[in-house]
C-alpha atoms as a PDB file:
ATOM      1  CA  MET A   1      85.261  71.464 146.291  1.00  0.00           C
ATOM      2  CA  THR A   2      88.245  69.635 148.357  1.00  0.00           C
ATOM      3  CA  HIS A   3      91.716  71.261 149.075  1.00  0.00           C
ATOM      4  CA  GLU A   4      93.019  69.243 145.973  1.00  0.00           C
ATOM      5  CA  GLU A   5      90.274  70.411 143.926  1.00  0.00           C
ATOM      6  CA  GLU A   6      90.948  73.642 144.943  1.00  0.00           C
ATOM      7  CA  ILE A   7      94.773  73.933 143.827  1.00  0.00           C
ATOM      8  CA  ILE A   8      94.269  72.108 140.990  1.00  0.00           C
ATOM      9  CA  LYS A   9      91.815  74.692 139.630  1.00  0.00           C
ATOM     10  CA  ARG A  10      93.967  77.448 140.651  1.00  0.00           C
ATOM     11  CA  SER A  11      97.101  76.050 139.265  1.00  0.00           C
ATOM     12  CA  PHE A  12      94.950  76.046 135.993  1.00  0.00           C
ATOM     13  CA  GLN A  13      93.935  79.232 136.425  1.00  0.00           C
ATOM     14  CA  ARG A  14      97.369  80.701 136.598  1.00  0.00           C
ATOM     15  CA  LYS A  15      98.545  78.566 133.853  1.00  0.00           C
ATOM     16  CA  TRP A  16      95.554  80.167 131.845  1.00  0.00           C
ATOM     17  CA  TRP A  17      96.485  83.658 132.846  1.00  0.00           C
ATOM     18  CA  ASN A  18     100.107  83.108 131.602  1.00  0.00           C
ATOM     19  CA  ASP A  19      99.255  81.618 128.251  1.00  0.00           C
ATOM     20  CA  VAL A  20      96.956  84.856 128.002  1.00  0.00           C
ATOM     21  CA  LYS A  21      99.982  87.194 128.987  1.00  0.00           C
ATOM     22  CA  THR A  22     102.198  85.582 126.580  1.00  0.00           C
ATOM     23  CA  LYS A  23      99.863  85.376 123.707  1.00  0.00           C
ATOM     24  CA  ASN A  24      99.032  89.376 124.364  1.00  0.00           C
ATOM     25  CA  SER A  25     102.604  90.288 124.584  1.00  0.00           C
ATOM     26  CA  TRP A  26     103.539  88.723 121.234  1.00  0.00           C
ATOM     27  CA  SER A  27     100.294  90.413 119.414  1.00  0.00           C
ATOM     28  CA  VAL A  28     101.863  93.900 120.010  1.00  0.00           C
ATOM     29  CA  PHE A  29     104.069  93.090 117.107  1.00  0.00           C
ATOM     30  CA  LYS A  30     101.516  91.865 114.795  1.00  0.00           C
ATOM     31  CA  ILE A  31      99.856  95.197 115.804  1.00  0.00           C
ATOM     32  CA  MET A  32     102.799  97.105 115.134  1.00  0.00           C
ATOM     33  CA  ALA A  33     102.929  95.330 111.718  1.00  0.00           C
ATOM     34  CA  GLU A  34      99.543  96.597 110.869  1.00  0.00           C
ATOM     35  CA  PHE A  35     100.514 100.186 111.711  1.00  0.00           C
ATOM     36  CA  VAL A  36     103.792  99.869 109.437  1.00  0.00           C
ATOM     37  CA  GLN A  37     101.976  98.236 106.886  1.00  0.00           C
ATOM     38  CA  SER A  38      99.102 100.841 106.505  1.00  0.00           C
ATOM     39  CA  HIS A  39     101.371 103.909 106.843  1.00  0.00           C
ATOM     40  CA  GLU A  40     103.599 102.717 104.038  1.00  0.00           C
ATOM     41  CA  LYS A  41     100.890 102.387 101.541  1.00  0.00           C
ATOM     42  CA  LEU A  42      98.731 105.199 102.386  1.00  0.00           C
ATOM     43  CA  TRP A  43     101.447 107.827 102.396  1.00  0.00           C
ATOM     44  CA  GLU A  44     101.974 106.598  98.544  1.00  0.00           C
ATOM     45  CA  ILE A  45      98.139 106.676  97.577  1.00  0.00           C
ATOM     46  CA  GLY A  46      97.989 110.601  98.251  1.00  0.00           C
ATOM     47  CA  PRO A  47      94.968 112.249  99.796  1.00  0.00           C
ATOM     48  CA  CYS A  48      91.249 110.041  99.798  1.00  0.00           C
ATOM     49  CA  VAL A  49      87.616 110.659 101.236  1.00  0.00           C
ATOM     50  CA  ALA A  50      86.312 108.004 103.730  1.00  0.00           C
ATOM     51  CA  ILE A  51      82.909 107.017 102.494  1.00  0.00           C
ATOM     52  CA  PHE A  52      81.250 104.465 104.736  1.00  0.00           C
ATOM     53  CA  GLY A  53      78.056 102.939 105.559  1.00  0.00           C
ATOM     54  CA  SER A  54      76.070  99.621 106.241  1.00  0.00           C
ATOM     55  CA  ALA A  55      77.437  96.676 104.730  1.00  0.00           C
ATOM     56  CA  ARG A  56      73.970  95.688 104.105  1.00  0.00           C
ATOM     57  CA  THR A  57      72.975  98.112 101.729  1.00  0.00           C
ATOM     58  CA  ALA A  58      72.004  96.638  98.566  1.00  0.00           C
ATOM     59  CA  PRO A  59      72.846  97.584  95.095  1.00  0.00           C
ATOM     60  CA  GLU A  60      69.082  98.986  93.930  1.00  0.00           C
ATOM     61  CA  ASP A  61      69.134 100.868  97.290  1.00  0.00           C
ATOM     62  CA  LYS A  62      69.156 104.586  96.838  1.00  0.00           C
ATOM     63  CA  TYR A  63      71.880 105.115  99.319  1.00  0.00           C
ATOM     64  CA  TYR A  64      73.613 102.768  97.239  1.00  0.00           C
ATOM     65  CA  LYS A  65      73.794 104.612  93.969  1.00  0.00           C
ATOM     66  CA  ALA A  66      74.384 107.955  95.626  1.00  0.00           C
ATOM     67  CA  ALA A  67      77.646 106.689  97.530  1.00  0.00           C
ATOM     68  CA  VAL A  68      78.570 105.133  93.836  1.00  0.00           C
ATOM     69  CA  GLU A  69      78.036 108.706  92.432  1.00  0.00           C
ATOM     70  CA  ILE A  70      79.893 110.775  95.330  1.00  0.00           C
ATOM     71  CA  ALA A  71      82.512 108.231  94.927  1.00  0.00           C
ATOM     72  CA  ALA A  72      82.910 109.295  91.151  1.00  0.00           C
ATOM     73  CA  ARG A  73      82.998 112.816  91.616  1.00  0.00           C
ATOM     74  CA  MET A  74      86.071 112.805  94.206  1.00  0.00           C
ATOM     75  CA  LYS A  75      88.121 112.563  91.269  1.00  0.00           C
ATOM     76  CA  ASP A  76      86.956 116.004  89.801  1.00  0.00           C
ATOM     77  CA  ILE A  77      87.891 117.208  93.276  1.00  0.00           C
ATOM     78  CA  GLY A  78      91.740 115.501  93.311  1.00  0.00           C
ATOM     79  CA  PHE A  79      90.636 112.885  96.068  1.00  0.00           C
ATOM     80  CA  GLY A  80      90.701 108.881  96.404  1.00  0.00           C
ATOM     81  CA  VAL A  81      88.161 106.960  98.485  1.00  0.00           C
ATOM     82  CA  ILE A  82      88.647 104.847 101.317  1.00  0.00           C
ATOM     83  CA  THR A  83      86.221 102.199 102.445  1.00  0.00           C
ATOM     84  CA  GLY A  84      86.049  99.676 105.021  1.00  0.00           C
ATOM     85  CA  GLY A  85      86.623  97.230 101.716  1.00  0.00           C
ATOM     86  CA  GLY A  86      83.402  95.229 102.484  1.00  0.00           C
ATOM     87  CA  PRO A  87      79.954  95.040 100.898  1.00  0.00           C
ATOM     88  CA  GLY A  88      77.221  97.132 100.592  1.00  0.00           C
ATOM     89  CA  ILE A  89      78.155 101.132 100.826  1.00  0.00           C
ATOM     90  CA  MET A  90      81.428 100.362 101.166  1.00  0.00           C
ATOM     91  CA  GLU A  91      81.310  98.342  97.762  1.00  0.00           C
ATOM     92  CA  ALA A  92      79.429 101.619  96.388  1.00  0.00           C
ATOM     93  CA  GLY A  93      82.108 103.863  97.072  1.00  0.00           C
ATOM     94  CA  ASN A  94      84.670 101.603  95.838  1.00  0.00           C
ATOM     95  CA  LYS A  95      82.740 100.948  92.899  1.00  0.00           C
ATOM     96  CA  GLY A  96      82.443 104.565  91.964  1.00  0.00           C
ATOM     97  CA  ALA A  97      85.830 105.116  92.542  1.00  0.00           C
ATOM     98  CA  ARG A  98      87.196 102.284  90.188  1.00  0.00           C
ATOM     99  CA  GLU A  99      84.723 103.401  87.244  1.00  0.00           C
ATOM    100  CA  SER A 100      85.838 106.888  87.821  1.00  0.00           C
ATOM    101  CA  GLY A 101      89.598 106.011  87.773  1.00  0.00           C
ATOM    102  CA  THR A 102      90.447 107.631  91.072  1.00  0.00           C
ATOM    103  CA  GLY A 103      92.124 105.667  93.548  1.00  0.00           C
ATOM    104  CA  SER A 104      89.678 102.983  95.297  1.00  0.00           C
ATOM    105  CA  VAL A 105      91.259 101.951  98.523  1.00  0.00           C
ATOM    106  CA  GLY A 106      89.945  99.537 101.005  1.00  0.00           C
ATOM    107  CA  LEU A 107      90.550  98.747 104.719  1.00  0.00           C
ATOM    108  CA  ASN A 108      89.306  95.238 105.172  1.00  0.00           C
ATOM    109  CA  ILE A 109      88.766  93.872 108.336  1.00  0.00           C
ATOM    110  CA  ASN A 110      88.903  89.768 108.718  1.00  0.00           C
ATOM    111  CA  LEU A 111      85.805  88.590 110.182  1.00  0.00           C
ATOM    112  CA  PRO A 112      85.247  84.872 110.435  1.00  0.00           C
ATOM    113  CA  PHE A 113      82.286  83.961 107.618  1.00  0.00           C
ATOM    114  CA  GLU A 114      81.283  87.670 107.164  1.00  0.00           C
ATOM    115  CA  GLN A 115      83.226  90.164 105.156  1.00  0.00           C
ATOM    116  CA  GLU A 116      85.341  89.563 102.075  1.00  0.00           C
ATOM    117  CA  PRO A 117      87.102  92.252 100.169  1.00  0.00           C
ATOM    118  CA  ASN A 118      84.825  93.625  97.370  1.00  0.00           C
ATOM    119  CA  PRO A 119      86.031  93.382  94.078  1.00  0.00           C
ATOM    120  CA  TYR A 120      86.313  97.332  93.284  1.00  0.00           C
ATOM    121  CA  ILE A 121      89.335  97.585  95.292  1.00  0.00           C
ATOM    122  CA  ASP A 122      92.581  98.468  93.432  1.00  0.00           C
ATOM    123  CA  SER A 123      94.713  95.220  93.666  1.00  0.00           C
ATOM    124  CA  ASP A 124      97.598  97.439  95.267  1.00  0.00           C
ATOM    125  CA  LYS A 125      95.546  99.262  97.773  1.00  0.00           C
ATOM    126  CA  LEU A 126      93.704  96.692  99.466  1.00  0.00           C
ATOM    127  CA  ILE A 127      94.623  96.273 103.340  1.00  0.00           C
ATOM    128  CA  ASP A 128      93.743  93.792 105.526  1.00  0.00           C
ATOM    129  CA  TYR A 129      93.299  93.946 109.446  1.00  0.00           C
ATOM    130  CA  ASP A 130      92.866  91.583 111.968  1.00  0.00           C
ATOM    131  CA  TYR A 131      92.079  94.343 114.768  1.00  0.00           C
ATOM    132  CA  PHE A 132      89.477  97.032 114.466  1.00  0.00           C
ATOM    133  CA  PHE A 133      91.260  99.632 116.607  1.00  0.00           C
ATOM    134  CA  VAL A 134      94.099  99.844 114.281  1.00  0.00           C
ATOM    135  CA  ARG A 135      91.629  99.867 111.361  1.00  0.00           C
ATOM    136  CA  LYS A 136      89.874 102.880 112.570  1.00  0.00           C
ATOM    137  CA  THR A 137      93.029 105.037 113.591  1.00  0.00           C
ATOM    138  CA  ILE A 138      94.262 104.505 110.039  1.00  0.00           C
ATOM    139  CA  PHE A 139      91.045 105.960 109.320  1.00  0.00           C
ATOM    140  CA  MET A 140      91.130 108.749 111.497  1.00  0.00           C
ATOM    141  CA  GLN A 141      94.700 109.767 110.510  1.00  0.00           C
ATOM    142  CA  TYR A 142      94.676 109.642 106.510  1.00  0.00           C
ATOM    143  CA  ALA A 143      90.879 110.263 105.618  1.00  0.00           C
ATOM    144  CA  GLN A 144      90.507 114.000 104.331  1.00  0.00           C
ATOM    145  CA  GLY A 145      86.747 113.769 104.771  1.00  0.00           C
ATOM    146  CA  TYR A 146      84.208 111.500 106.402  1.00  0.00           C
ATOM    147  CA  ILE A 147      81.028 110.835 104.493  1.00  0.00           C
ATOM    148  CA  ALA A 148      78.622 109.010 106.774  1.00  0.00           C
ATOM    149  CA  MET A 149      75.801 107.246 104.876  1.00  0.00           C
ATOM    150  CA  PRO A 150      73.277 105.304 106.522  1.00  0.00           C
ATOM    151  CA  GLY A 151      74.174 102.427 108.677  1.00  0.00           C
ATOM    152  CA  GLY A 152      74.273 100.716 112.047  1.00  0.00           C
ATOM    153  CA  PHE A 153      76.458 100.192 114.710  1.00  0.00           C
ATOM    154  CA  GLY A 154      79.925 100.247 112.936  1.00  0.00           C
ATOM    155  CA  THR A 155      78.917 103.487 111.180  1.00  0.00           C
ATOM    156  CA  LEU A 156      77.850 105.250 114.259  1.00  0.00           C
ATOM    157  CA  ASP A 157      81.048 104.093 116.192  1.00  0.00           C
ATOM    158  CA  GLU A 158      83.272 105.803 113.308  1.00  0.00           C
ATOM    159  CA  LEU A 159      81.216 108.918 113.427  1.00  0.00           C
ATOM    160  CA  SER A 160      81.277 109.179 116.877  1.00  0.00           C
ATOM    161  CA  GLU A 161      85.153 108.586 116.970  1.00  0.00           C
ATOM    162  CA  ALA A 162      85.769 111.633 114.283  1.00  0.00           C
ATOM    163  CA  LEU A 163      83.564 113.945 116.105  1.00  0.00           C
ATOM    164  CA  THR A 164      85.009 113.333 119.466  1.00  0.00           C
ATOM    165  CA  LEU A 165      88.321 113.614 118.239  1.00  0.00           C
ATOM    166  CA  ILE A 166      87.340 116.958 116.449  1.00  0.00           C
ATOM    167  CA  GLN A 167      85.377 118.207 119.484  1.00  0.00           C
ATOM    168  CA  THR A 168      88.578 117.656 121.548  1.00  0.00           C
ATOM    169  CA  ASN A 169      91.146 119.127 119.142  1.00  0.00           C
ATOM    170  CA  LYS A 170      93.038 115.583 118.991  1.00  0.00           C
ATOM    171  CA  LEU A 171      92.337 115.733 115.446  1.00  0.00           C
ATOM    172  CA  VAL A 172      92.121 118.495 112.870  1.00  0.00           C
ATOM    173  CA  SER A 173      88.829 119.732 111.753  1.00  0.00           C
ATOM    174  CA  PHE A 174      87.967 118.216 108.499  1.00  0.00           C
ATOM    175  CA  PRO A 175      84.649 117.981 106.769  1.00  0.00           C
ATOM    176  CA  VAL A 176      82.107 115.305 108.570  1.00  0.00           C
ATOM    177  CA  ILE A 177      79.075 114.878 106.129  1.00  0.00           C
ATOM    178  CA  LEU A 178      75.994 112.854 107.278  1.00  0.00           C
ATOM    179  CA  TYR A 179      74.006 111.949 103.666  1.00  0.00           C
ATOM    180  CA  GLY A 180      70.170 111.089 103.984  1.00  0.00           C
ATOM    181  CA  LYS A 181      68.417 113.933 106.139  1.00  0.00           C
ATOM    182  CA  GLU A 182      65.726 111.533 106.519  1.00  0.00           C
ATOM    183  CA  PHE A 183      67.859 108.928 108.182  1.00  0.00           C
ATOM    184  CA  TRP A 184      70.086 110.988 110.246  1.00  0.00           C
ATOM    185  CA  GLN A 185      67.506 113.413 111.292  1.00  0.00           C
ATOM    186  CA  ASP A 186      66.239 111.375 114.781  1.00  0.00           C
ATOM    187  CA  LEU A 187      69.913 111.070 115.607  1.00  0.00           C
ATOM    188  CA  VAL A 188      70.629 115.250 114.949  1.00  0.00           C
ATOM    189  CA  GLY A 189      67.353 115.959 116.800  1.00  0.00           C
ATOM    190  CA  TRP A 190      68.417 114.056 119.828  1.00  0.00           C
ATOM    191  CA  PHE A 191      71.816 115.431 119.890  1.00  0.00           C
ATOM    192  CA  LYS A 192      69.846 119.140 120.145  1.00  0.00           C
ATOM    193  CA  ASN A 193      67.103 118.281 122.308  1.00  0.00           C
ATOM    194  CA  THR A 194      68.699 115.855 125.053  1.00  0.00           C
ATOM    195  CA  LEU A 195      72.754 116.479 124.533  1.00  0.00           C
ATOM    196  CA  LEU A 196      72.669 120.209 123.952  1.00  0.00           C
ATOM    197  CA  ALA A 197      69.617 120.477 126.520  1.00  0.00           C
ATOM    198  CA  LYS A 198      71.566 118.828 129.134  1.00  0.00           C
ATOM    199  CA  GLY A 199      74.648 120.420 128.477  1.00  0.00           C
ATOM    200  CA  MET A 200      76.796 117.672 127.529  1.00  0.00           C
ATOM    201  CA  ILE A 201      77.575 119.180 124.489  1.00  0.00           C
ATOM    202  CA  SER A 202      78.142 122.777 123.631  1.00  0.00           C
ATOM    203  CA  PRO A 203      76.222 124.592 120.755  1.00  0.00           C
ATOM    204  CA  GLY A 204      79.432 124.974 118.442  1.00  0.00           C
ATOM    205  CA  ASP A 205      79.616 121.196 118.630  1.00  0.00           C
ATOM    206  CA  LEU A 206      76.683 121.024 116.420  1.00  0.00           C
ATOM    207  CA  ASP A 207      78.604 122.830 113.752  1.00  0.00           C
ATOM    208  CA  LEU A 208      81.372 120.021 113.755  1.00  0.00           C
ATOM    209  CA  PHE A 209      79.206 118.301 110.883  1.00  0.00           C
ATOM    210  CA  HIS A 210      76.676 118.662 107.672  1.00  0.00           C
ATOM    211  CA  VAL A 211      73.715 117.153 107.181  1.00  0.00           C
ATOM    212  CA  VAL A 212      72.625 116.831 103.541  1.00  0.00           C
ATOM    213  CA  ASP A 213      70.623 115.257 100.747  1.00  0.00           C
ATOM    214  CA  THR A 214      72.468 115.677  97.353  1.00  0.00           C
ATOM    215  CA  VAL A 215      75.562 114.513  96.050  1.00  0.00           C
ATOM    216  CA  ASP A 216      76.213 118.289  94.742  1.00  0.00           C
ATOM    217  CA  GLU A 217      76.497 119.410  98.641  1.00  0.00           C
ATOM    218  CA  VAL A 218      78.843 116.863  99.279  1.00  0.00           C
ATOM    219  CA  VAL A 219      81.039 117.751  96.813  1.00  0.00           C
ATOM    220  CA  THR A 220      80.561 121.550  97.421  1.00  0.00           C
ATOM    221  CA  ILE A 221      81.660 121.115 101.109  1.00  0.00           C
ATOM    222  CA  ILE A 222      84.565 119.253 100.524  1.00  0.00           C
ATOM    223  CA  SER A 223      86.044 121.476  97.697  1.00  0.00           C
ATOM    224  CA  ASP A 224      85.241 124.618  99.499  1.00  0.00           C
ATOM    225  CA  PHE A 225      87.091 123.344 102.827  1.00  0.00           C
ATOM    226  CA  TYR A 226      90.173 122.362 100.256  1.00  0.00           C
ATOM    227  CA  ASN A 227      90.509 125.269  98.739  1.00  0.00           C
ATOM    228  CA  LYS A 228      90.829 126.959 101.999  1.00  0.00           C
ATOM    229  CA  TYR A 229      93.586 124.119 103.444  1.00  0.00           C
ATOM    230  CA  ALA A 230      95.815 121.754 102.276  1.00  0.00           C
ATOM    231  CA  PRO A 231      95.125 118.198 102.637  1.00  0.00           C
ATOM    232  CA  LYS A 232      97.706 116.590 105.253  1.00  0.00           C
ATOM    233  CA  PRO A 233      97.747 113.596 107.641  1.00  0.00           C
ATOM    234  CA  ASN A 234      95.278 114.671 110.286  1.00  0.00           C
ATOM    235  CA  PHE A 235      97.960 113.939 113.441  1.00  0.00           C
END
């Protein structure tokens, strides 16, 4: 590369970096707007439980059907339902909430060619996000319980975030429920046989979550918890 070519290259790199810096600075205002919109809307909606899991779960799947029933039963104990707003388990959660008449909230992430809000979200309870981290923060702050149905990386991400924040006392303790023992048993076994055995978690950390196989167990865990504690934002 000649000296002239090196100068042109460095000039281009500086311009690119300055353009990125300017864009990132202005994006702060968009991030703030997503937080403000979320706080204003969710504060008015009232206490909700989050149901999350795979976007690929089909309506005929047993876990989809269970998510519909769990969501519907939340009305009996005074909770609405928050989901990620998309298809699969998210759709099931909103469907059960809508059909039972409890609040059906969707925190939808805008993904190119991939996710559209499902049709069971209440029209006044849909919030769209461009930023995953804003959406996840809002889940953490306003959900009064986490019901993790079988899912992939996104489900594991949200589950790990909740457990980490509860473990470190950055989030108040609330019910975290893993539905489907058959699905979760290998992960829980790894927690015990690897993380605990190597001293990477404490024995009490295994009490931060429940593993269940029935809808009744989910309802009982959440109901018993809130017979002792009042729902409130988590931080």
